[in-house]
PDB file of N, CA and C in Angstrom:
ATOM      1  N   MET A   1      -2.275  12.594  21.316  1.00  0.00           N
ATOM      2  CA  MET A   1      -3.493  13.228  20.463  1.00  0.00           C
ATOM      3  C   MET A   1      -4.481  12.161  21.061  1.00  0.00           C
ATOM      4  N   ALA A   2      -5.857  13.425  21.571  1.00  0.00           N
ATOM      5  CA  ALA A   2      -6.878  13.088  21.772  1.00  0.00           C
ATOM      6  C   ALA A   2      -7.714  12.136  20.208  1.00  0.00           C
ATOM      7  N   ASP A   3      -8.839  11.270  20.209  1.00  0.00           N
ATOM      8  CA  ASP A   3      -9.642  11.024  19.141  1.00  0.00           C
ATOM      9  C   ASP A   3     -10.662  12.299  18.974  1.00  0.00           C
ATOM     10  N   ALA A   4     -10.185  12.919  17.775  1.00  0.00           N
ATOM     11  CA  ALA A   4     -11.394  14.064  17.408  1.00  0.00           C
ATOM     12  C   ALA A   4     -12.484  13.942  16.573  1.00  0.00           C
ATOM     13  N   SER A   5     -12.917  12.041  16.622  1.00  0.00           N
ATOM     14  CA  SER A   5     -14.553  11.842  16.272  1.00  0.00           C
ATOM     15  C   SER A   5     -15.261  11.801  17.009  1.00  0.00           C
ATOM     16  N   PRO A   6     -16.420  12.601  17.214  1.00  0.00           N
ATOM     17  CA  PRO A   6     -16.875  12.897  17.851  1.00  0.00           C
ATOM     18  C   PRO A   6     -18.193  11.540  18.238  1.00  0.00           C
ATOM     19  N   THR A   7     -18.569  11.329  19.835  1.00  0.00           N
ATOM     20  CA  THR A   7     -19.332  10.415  20.289  1.00  0.00           C
ATOM     21  C   THR A   7     -20.923  10.067  19.392  1.00  0.00           C
ATOM     22  N   VAL A   8     -21.150   8.910  19.614  1.00  0.00           N
ATOM     23  CA  VAL A   8     -22.826   9.347  18.265  1.00  0.00           C
ATOM     24  C   VAL A   8     -23.756   9.799  19.904  1.00  0.00           C
ATOM     25  N   GLY A   9     -23.586  10.017  20.790  1.00  0.00           N
ATOM     26  CA  GLY A   9     -23.845  11.381  21.543  1.00  0.00           C
ATOM     27  C   GLY A   9     -24.208  12.540  21.331  1.00  0.00           C
ATOM     28  N   GLU A  10     -22.822  12.434  20.891  1.00  0.00           N
ATOM     29  CA  GLU A  10     -22.396  14.038  20.764  1.00  0.00           C
ATOM     30  C   GLU A  10     -23.510  13.959  19.657  1.00  0.00           C
ATOM     31  N   LEU A  11     -23.344  13.444  18.048  1.00  0.00           N
ATOM     32  CA  LEU A  11     -23.924  13.555  16.798  1.00  0.00           C
ATOM     33  C   LEU A  11     -25.638  13.435  17.759  1.00  0.00           C
ATOM     34  N   PHE A  12     -25.641  12.423  18.160  1.00  0.00           N
ATOM     35  CA  PHE A  12     -27.171  12.880  18.929  1.00  0.00           C
ATOM     36  C   PHE A  12     -27.793  14.101  19.016  1.00  0.00           C
ATOM     37  N   LYS A  13     -27.223  14.346  20.277  1.00  0.00           N
ATOM     38  CA  LYS A  13     -27.076  15.638  20.702  1.00  0.00           C
ATOM     39  C   LYS A  13     -27.234  16.949  19.473  1.00  0.00           C
ATOM     40  N   ALA A  14     -26.420  16.913  18.326  1.00  0.00           N
ATOM     41  CA  ALA A  14     -26.806  17.867  17.587  1.00  0.00           C
ATOM     42  C   ALA A  14     -27.361  17.356  16.406  1.00  0.00           C
ATOM     43  N   LYS A  15     -28.357  16.282  17.212  1.00  0.00           N
ATOM     44  CA  LYS A  15     -29.582  16.435  15.967  1.00  0.00           C
ATOM     45  C   LYS A  15     -29.006  15.803  14.649  1.00  0.00           C
ATOM     46  N   ALA A  16     -27.820  15.178  14.228  1.00  0.00           N
ATOM     47  CA  ALA A  16     -27.027  15.003  13.314  1.00  0.00           C
ATOM     48  C   ALA A  16     -27.254  12.967  13.238  1.00  0.00           C
ATOM     49  N   VAL A  17     -27.851  12.258  14.700  1.00  0.00           N
ATOM     50  CA  VAL A  17     -28.025  11.332  14.658  1.00  0.00           C
ATOM     51  C   VAL A  17     -29.677  11.265  15.111  1.00  0.00           C
ATOM     52  N   THR A  18     -30.156  10.290  15.067  1.00  0.00           N
ATOM     53  CA  THR A  18     -31.993  10.109  15.421  1.00  0.00           C
ATOM     54  C   THR A  18     -31.898   9.192  16.093  1.00  0.00           C
ATOM     55  N   ASP A  19     -32.908   9.324  17.642  1.00  0.00           N
ATOM     56  CA  ASP A  19     -33.038   8.429  18.051  1.00  0.00           C
ATOM     57  C   ASP A  19     -33.548   6.622  17.232  1.00  0.00           C
ATOM     58  N   SER A  20     -34.245   7.132  16.363  1.00  0.00           N
ATOM     59  CA  SER A  20     -34.765   5.745  15.714  1.00  0.00           C
ATOM     60  C   SER A  20     -33.251   4.759  15.179  1.00  0.00           C
ATOM     61  N   GLU A  21     -32.148   6.125  14.661  1.00  0.00           N
ATOM     62  CA  GLU A  21     -31.126   5.173  13.836  1.00  0.00           C
ATOM     63  C   GLU A  21     -30.362   4.858  15.258  1.00  0.00           C
ATOM     64  N   VAL A  22     -30.266   5.119  16.224  1.00  0.00           N
ATOM     65  CA  VAL A  22     -29.832   4.460  17.294  1.00  0.00           C
ATOM     66  C   VAL A  22     -30.402   2.984  17.832  1.00  0.00           C
ATOM     67  N   SER A  23     -31.796   3.098  17.939  1.00  0.00           N
ATOM     68  CA  SER A  23     -32.684   2.193  18.336  1.00  0.00           C
ATOM     69  C   SER A  23     -32.645   1.234  17.254  1.00  0.00           C
ATOM     70  N   ALA A  24     -31.776   1.507  15.635  1.00  0.00           N
ATOM     71  CA  ALA A  24     -31.526   0.683  14.686  1.00  0.00           C
ATOM     72  C   ALA A  24     -30.193  -0.379  14.789  1.00  0.00           C
ATOM     73  N   ALA A  25     -29.598   0.617  15.823  1.00  0.00           N
ATOM     74  CA  ALA A  25     -28.109   0.327  16.083  1.00  0.00           C
ATOM     75  C   ALA A  25     -28.275  -0.688  17.056  1.00  0.00           C
ATOM     76  N   VAL A  26     -29.200  -0.575  18.012  1.00  0.00           N
ATOM     77  CA  VAL A  26     -29.472  -1.226  19.184  1.00  0.00           C
ATOM     78  C   VAL A  26     -29.511  -2.863  18.485  1.00  0.00           C
ATOM     79  N   GLU A  27     -30.475  -2.576  17.783  1.00  0.00           N
ATOM     80  CA  GLU A  27     -31.285  -4.056  17.304  1.00  0.00           C
ATOM     81  C   GLU A  27     -30.335  -4.570  16.599  1.00  0.00           C
ATOM     82  N   ALA A  28     -29.473  -4.040  15.655  1.00  0.00           N
ATOM     83  CA  ALA A  28     -28.880  -4.491  15.209  1.00  0.00           C
ATOM     84  C   ALA A  28     -27.396  -5.256  15.693  1.00  0.00           C
ATOM     85  N   TYR A  29     -27.058  -4.980  16.760  1.00  0.00           N
ATOM     86  CA  TYR A  29     -25.890  -5.484  17.595  1.00  0.00           C
ATOM     87  C   TYR A  29     -26.723  -6.787  18.383  1.00  0.00           C
ATOM     88  N   LEU A  30     -27.762  -6.564  18.883  1.00  0.00           N
ATOM     89  CA  LEU A  30     -28.833  -7.901  19.701  1.00  0.00           C
ATOM     90  C   LEU A  30     -28.881  -9.052  18.529  1.00  0.00           C
ATOM     91  N   ALA A  31     -29.442  -8.039  17.008  1.00  0.00           N
ATOM     92  CA  ALA A  31     -29.254  -9.149  16.185  1.00  0.00           C
ATOM     93  C   ALA A  31     -27.918  -9.903  15.943  1.00  0.00           C
ATOM     94  N   ASP A  32     -26.755  -9.353  15.887  1.00  0.00           N
ATOM     95  CA  ASP A  32     -25.674  -9.787  15.862  1.00  0.00           C
ATOM     96  C   ASP A  32     -24.885  -9.372  16.286  1.00  0.00           C
ATOM     97  N   PRO A  33     -24.452 -10.189  17.926  1.00  0.00           N
ATOM     98  CA  PRO A  33     -23.093  -9.032  18.434  1.00  0.00           C
ATOM     99  C   PRO A  33     -22.301  -8.873  17.885  1.00  0.00           C
ATOM    100  N   GLU A  34     -21.765  -9.274  16.665  1.00  0.00           N
ATOM    101  CA  GLU A  34     -20.367  -9.672  15.906  1.00  0.00           C
ATOM    102  C   GLU A  34     -20.472  -8.629  15.032  1.00  0.00           C
ATOM    103  N   THR A  35     -21.655  -7.627  14.757  1.00  0.00           N
ATOM    104  CA  THR A  35     -21.338  -6.715  13.834  1.00  0.00           C
ATOM    105  C   THR A  35     -20.559  -5.277  14.336  1.00  0.00           C
ATOM    106  N   HIS A  36     -19.880  -5.108  12.835  1.00  0.00           N
ATOM    107  CA  HIS A  36     -18.625  -4.439  13.532  1.00  0.00           C
ATOM    108  C   HIS A  36     -19.404  -2.515  12.364  1.00  0.00           C
ATOM    109  N   ALA A  37     -18.521  -2.402  11.401  1.00  0.00           N
ATOM    110  CA  ALA A  37     -19.315  -1.318  10.849  1.00  0.00           C
ATOM    111  C   ALA A  37     -20.503  -1.026  10.621  1.00  0.00           C
ATOM    112  N   HIS A  38     -21.207   0.112  11.118  1.00  0.00           N
ATOM    113  CA  HIS A  38     -22.787  -0.076  10.966  1.00  0.00           C
ATOM    114  C   HIS A  38     -23.037   1.442  10.605  1.00  0.00           C
ATOM    115  N   LEU A  39     -23.736   1.661   9.649  1.00  0.00           N
ATOM    116  CA  LEU A  39     -23.966   2.827   9.390  1.00  0.00           C
ATOM    117  C   LEU A  39     -25.051   3.449  10.183  1.00  0.00           C
ATOM    118  N   ILE A  40     -24.661   4.633  11.108  1.00  0.00           N
ATOM    119  CA  ILE A  40     -25.282   4.973  12.123  1.00  0.00           C
ATOM    120  C   ILE A  40     -26.618   6.401  11.473  1.00  0.00           C
ATOM    121  N   ALA A  41     -26.009   6.772  10.751  1.00  0.00           N
ATOM    122  CA  ALA A  41     -26.116   8.418   9.952  1.00  0.00           C
ATOM    123  C   ALA A  41     -25.837   8.309   8.332  1.00  0.00           C
ATOM    124  N   GLN A  42     -26.358   9.067   7.751  1.00  0.00           N
ATOM    125  CA  GLN A  42     -25.587   9.880   6.748  1.00  0.00           C
ATOM    126  C   GLN A  42     -23.996  10.217   7.084  1.00  0.00           C
ATOM    127  N   GLY A  43     -23.101   9.287   6.566  1.00  0.00           N
ATOM    128  CA  GLY A  43     -21.916  10.125   6.827  1.00  0.00           C
ATOM    129  C   GLY A  43     -20.802   9.286   8.134  1.00  0.00           C
ATOM    130  N   TYR A  44     -21.551   8.678   8.660  1.00  0.00           N
ATOM    131  CA  TYR A  44     -21.039   8.250  10.078  1.00  0.00           C
ATOM    132  C   TYR A  44     -21.052   6.761  10.238  1.00  0.00           C
ATOM    133  N   SER A  45     -20.521   6.339  10.622  1.00  0.00           N
ATOM    134  CA  SER A  45     -20.681   4.662  11.007  1.00  0.00           C
ATOM    135  C   SER A  45     -20.235   4.634  12.485  1.00  0.00           C
ATOM    136  N   VAL A  46     -20.357   3.079  12.960  1.00  0.00           N
ATOM    137  CA  VAL A  46     -19.850   2.849  14.229  1.00  0.00           C
ATOM    138  C   VAL A  46     -19.581   1.501  14.479  1.00  0.00           C
ATOM    139  N   ASP A  47     -18.987   0.977  14.958  1.00  0.00           N
ATOM    140  CA  ASP A  47     -18.217  -0.192  15.369  1.00  0.00           C
ATOM    141  C   ASP A  47     -18.760  -0.913  16.415  1.00  0.00           C
ATOM    142  N   LEU A  48     -20.254  -1.471  16.014  1.00  0.00           N
ATOM    143  CA  LEU A  48     -20.812  -1.849  17.580  1.00  0.00           C
ATOM    144  C   LEU A  48     -20.567  -3.392  18.232  1.00  0.00           C
ATOM    145  N   ALA A  49     -19.816  -3.833  18.141  1.00  0.00           N
ATOM    146  CA  ALA A  49     -19.385  -4.623  18.580  1.00  0.00           C
ATOM    147  C   ALA A  49     -17.998  -4.500  19.471  1.00  0.00           C
ATOM    148  N   ALA A  50     -17.576  -3.197  18.897  1.00  0.00           N
ATOM    149  CA  ALA A  50     -16.751  -2.441  19.925  1.00  0.00           C
ATOM    150  C   ALA A  50     -17.048  -1.622  20.587  1.00  0.00           C
ATOM    151  N   ALA A  51     -17.899  -1.059  20.286  1.00  0.00           N
ATOM    152  CA  ALA A  51     -18.740   0.086  21.415  1.00  0.00           C
ATOM    153  C   ALA A  51     -18.995  -1.113  22.646  1.00  0.00           C
ATOM    154  N   VAL A  52     -19.466  -2.381  22.302  1.00  0.00           N
ATOM    155  CA  VAL A  52     -19.963  -2.863  23.431  1.00  0.00           C
ATOM    156  C   VAL A  52     -19.245  -3.276  24.548  1.00  0.00           C
ATOM    157  N   ILE A  53     -17.769  -4.551  23.827  1.00  0.00           N
ATOM    158  CA  ILE A  53     -16.717  -4.770  23.862  1.00  0.00           C
ATOM    159  C   ILE A  53     -15.719  -3.689  25.176  1.00  0.00           C
ATOM    160  N   GLY A  54     -16.091  -2.333  24.791  1.00  0.00           N
ATOM    161  CA  GLY A  54     -15.133  -1.133  25.243  1.00  0.00           C
ATOM    162  C   GLY A  54     -15.811  -0.883  26.236  1.00  0.00           C
ATOM    163  N   HIS A  55     -17.135  -1.427  27.085  1.00  0.00           N
ATOM    164  CA  HIS A  55     -17.520  -0.676  27.610  1.00  0.00           C
ATOM    165  C   HIS A  55     -18.051  -1.743  29.000  1.00  0.00           C
ATOM    166  N   ALA A  56     -17.482  -1.816  30.297  1.00  0.00           N
ATOM    167  CA  ALA A  56     -17.411  -2.993  30.938  1.00  0.00           C
ATOM    168  C   ALA A  56     -18.744  -3.280  31.292  1.00  0.00           C
ATOM    169  N   TRP A  57     -19.559  -2.124  31.583  1.00  0.00           N
ATOM    170  CA  TRP A  57     -20.788  -2.679  32.265  1.00  0.00           C
ATOM    171  C   TRP A  57     -21.728  -3.441  31.587  1.00  0.00           C
ATOM    172  N   ALA A  58     -21.820  -2.634  29.932  1.00  0.00           N
ATOM    173  CA  ALA A  58     -22.605  -3.116  28.920  1.00  0.00           C
ATOM    174  C   ALA A  58     -22.468  -4.727  28.264  1.00  0.00           C
ATOM    175  N   HIS A  59     -20.485  -4.658  28.317  1.00  0.00           N
ATOM    176  CA  HIS A  59     -20.280  -6.201  27.946  1.00  0.00           C
ATOM    177  C   HIS A  59     -20.540  -7.502  28.622  1.00  0.00           C
ATOM    178  N   HIS A  60     -20.900  -6.978  30.444  1.00  0.00           N
ATOM    179  CA  HIS A  60     -20.951  -7.737  31.262  1.00  0.00           C
ATOM    180  C   HIS A  60     -22.460  -7.924  31.391  1.00  0.00           C
ATOM    181  N   VAL A  61     -23.249  -6.959  31.282  1.00  0.00           N
ATOM    182  CA  VAL A  61     -24.603  -7.557  31.035  1.00  0.00           C
ATOM    183  C   VAL A  61     -25.257  -7.918  29.888  1.00  0.00           C
ATOM    184  N   VAL A  62     -24.704  -8.032  28.927  1.00  0.00           N
ATOM    185  CA  VAL A  62     -25.237  -8.631  27.298  1.00  0.00           C
ATOM    186  C   VAL A  62     -24.839  -9.910  27.525  1.00  0.00           C
ATOM    187  N   GLY A  63     -23.646 -10.377  28.354  1.00  0.00           N
ATOM    188  CA  GLY A  63     -23.307 -11.974  28.897  1.00  0.00           C
ATOM    189  C   GLY A  63     -24.011 -12.479  29.424  1.00  0.00           C
ATOM    190  N   LEU A  64     -24.825 -12.007  30.086  1.00  0.00           N
ATOM    191  CA  LEU A  64     -25.331 -12.712  31.482  1.00  0.00           C
ATOM    192  C   LEU A  64     -26.829 -13.086  30.946  1.00  0.00           C
ATOM    193  N   ILE A  65     -26.939 -14.751  31.271  1.00  0.00           N
ATOM    194  CA  ILE A  65     -28.718 -14.946  30.938  1.00  0.00           C
ATOM    195  C   ILE A  65     -29.346 -14.395  31.562  1.00  0.00           C
ATOM    196  N   GLU A  66     -29.190 -13.975  32.893  1.00  0.00           N
ATOM    197  CA  GLU A  66     -30.081 -13.683  33.428  1.00  0.00           C
ATOM    198  C   GLU A  66     -30.777 -12.149  33.387  1.00  0.00           C
ATOM    199  N   SER A  67     -30.066 -11.326  32.117  1.00  0.00           N
ATOM    200  CA  SER A  67     -30.566 -10.132  32.318  1.00  0.00           C
ATOM    201  C   SER A  67     -31.308 -10.212  31.551  1.00  0.00           C
ATOM    202  N   SER A  68     -32.259  -9.269  31.464  1.00  0.00           N
ATOM    203  CA  SER A  68     -33.599  -9.203  30.636  1.00  0.00           C
ATOM    204  C   SER A  68     -33.324  -8.317  29.215  1.00  0.00           C
ATOM    205  N   GLN A  69     -33.784  -8.578  28.631  1.00  0.00           N
ATOM    206  CA  GLN A  69     -33.859  -7.527  26.822  1.00  0.00           C
ATOM    207  C   GLN A  69     -33.842  -6.187  26.981  1.00  0.00           C
ATOM    208  N   SER A  70     -34.247  -5.989  28.456  1.00  0.00           N
ATOM    209  CA  SER A  70     -34.754  -4.536  28.217  1.00  0.00           C
ATOM    210  C   SER A  70     -33.312  -3.808  28.885  1.00  0.00           C
ATOM    211  N   LEU A  71     -32.864  -4.459  29.786  1.00  0.00           N
ATOM    212  CA  LEU A  71     -31.777  -4.057  30.616  1.00  0.00           C
ATOM    213  C   LEU A  71     -30.563  -4.513  29.291  1.00  0.00           C
ATOM    214  N   LYS A  72     -30.452  -5.164  28.573  1.00  0.00           N
ATOM    215  CA  LYS A  72     -28.963  -5.864  27.223  1.00  0.00           C
ATOM    216  C   LYS A  72     -29.456  -4.310  26.617  1.00  0.00           C
ATOM    217  N   ARG A  73     -31.170  -4.219  26.506  1.00  0.00           N
ATOM    218  CA  ARG A  73     -31.038  -3.131  25.209  1.00  0.00           C
ATOM    219  C   ARG A  73     -30.283  -1.574  25.809  1.00  0.00           C
ATOM    220  N   GLY A  74     -30.775  -1.318  26.906  1.00  0.00           N
ATOM    221  CA  GLY A  74     -29.967   0.002  27.753  1.00  0.00           C
ATOM    222  C   GLY A  74     -28.801   0.324  27.814  1.00  0.00           C
ATOM    223  N   ALA A  75     -27.969  -1.198  28.110  1.00  0.00           N
ATOM    224  CA  ALA A  75     -26.917  -1.042  28.349  1.00  0.00           C
ATOM    225  C   ALA A  75     -25.916  -0.934  26.457  1.00  0.00           C
ATOM    226  N   VAL A  76     -26.578  -1.577  26.312  1.00  0.00           N
ATOM    227  CA  VAL A  76     -26.241  -1.501  24.528  1.00  0.00           C
ATOM    228  C   VAL A  76     -26.059  -0.275  23.812  1.00  0.00           C
ATOM    229  N   ARG A  77     -27.428   0.464  24.253  1.00  0.00           N
ATOM    230  CA  ARG A  77     -27.362   1.748  23.925  1.00  0.00           C
ATOM    231  C   ARG A  77     -26.534   3.326  24.402  1.00  0.00           C
ATOM    232  N   THR A  78     -25.929   2.181  25.864  1.00  0.00           N
ATOM    233  CA  THR A  78     -25.400   3.568  26.172  1.00  0.00           C
ATOM    234  C   THR A  78     -23.672   2.970  25.908  1.00  0.00           C
ATOM    235  N   ALA A  79     -23.635   2.228  25.396  1.00  0.00           N
ATOM    236  CA  ALA A  79     -22.320   1.770  24.900  1.00  0.00           C
ATOM    237  C   ALA A  79     -22.121   2.389  23.669  1.00  0.00           C
ATOM    238  N   ILE A  80     -23.232   2.224  22.941  1.00  0.00           N
ATOM    239  CA  ILE A  80     -23.246   3.035  21.371  1.00  0.00           C
ATOM    240  C   ILE A  80     -23.011   4.396  21.421  1.00  0.00           C
ATOM    241  N   LEU A  81     -24.678   5.037  22.191  1.00  0.00           N
ATOM    242  CA  LEU A  81     -24.021   6.785  22.438  1.00  0.00           C
ATOM    243  C   LEU A  81     -22.574   7.593  23.128  1.00  0.00           C
ATOM    244  N   LEU A  82     -21.713   6.459  23.609  1.00  0.00           N
ATOM    245  CA  LEU A  82     -20.779   7.083  24.025  1.00  0.00           C
ATOM    246  C   LEU A  82     -19.571   6.531  22.956  1.00  0.00           C
ATOM    247  N   ALA A  83     -19.829   5.846  22.224  1.00  0.00           N
ATOM    248  CA  ALA A  83     -19.101   5.379  20.999  1.00  0.00           C
ATOM    249  C   ALA A  83     -18.448   5.940  19.692  1.00  0.00           C
ATOM    250  N   ARG A  84     -17.663   6.104  19.826  1.00  0.00           N
ATOM    251  CA  ARG A  84     -16.819   7.332  18.563  1.00  0.00           C
ATOM    252  C   ARG A  84     -17.016   6.547  17.397  1.00  0.00           C
ATOM    253  N   ALA A  85     -17.366   7.614  16.951  1.00  0.00           N
ATOM    254  CA  ALA A  85     -18.290   7.252  15.599  1.00  0.00           C
ATOM    255  C   ALA A  85     -17.489   7.908  14.519  1.00  0.00           C
ATOM    256  N   ARG A  86     -17.370   7.035  13.171  1.00  0.00           N
ATOM    257  CA  ARG A  86     -16.199   7.528  12.546  1.00  0.00           C
ATOM    258  C   ARG A  86     -17.003   7.903  10.758  1.00  0.00           C
ATOM    259  N   LYS A  87     -16.096   8.435  10.092  1.00  0.00           N
ATOM    260  CA  LYS A  87     -16.852   9.310   8.695  1.00  0.00           C
ATOM    261  C   LYS A  87     -16.915   7.643   7.920  1.00  0.00           C
ATOM    262  N   ALA A  88     -18.045   7.729   7.265  1.00  0.00           N
ATOM    263  CA  ALA A  88     -17.820   6.624   6.878  1.00  0.00           C
ATOM    264  C   ALA A  88     -17.725   6.654   5.103  1.00  0.00           C
TER     265      ALA A  88
END
């Protein structure tokens, strides 16, 4: 059975999640990579740690010391936008 939960990107496209909310989630992950349940928007949460671990490229990029902060932010943002949001 397919997961019916929308991705953060789908919620973003539907304007249920704002750019500043996605950016805040990125910063929350970068401040604490062990962050799990993060309220992304009213009524929705996302497991930030699982989002990054589940996205091979993002997980690789954040683990490299050589990666710039800008690259890490972009990789984490991509992982979060592709992650499934859960009803909070």
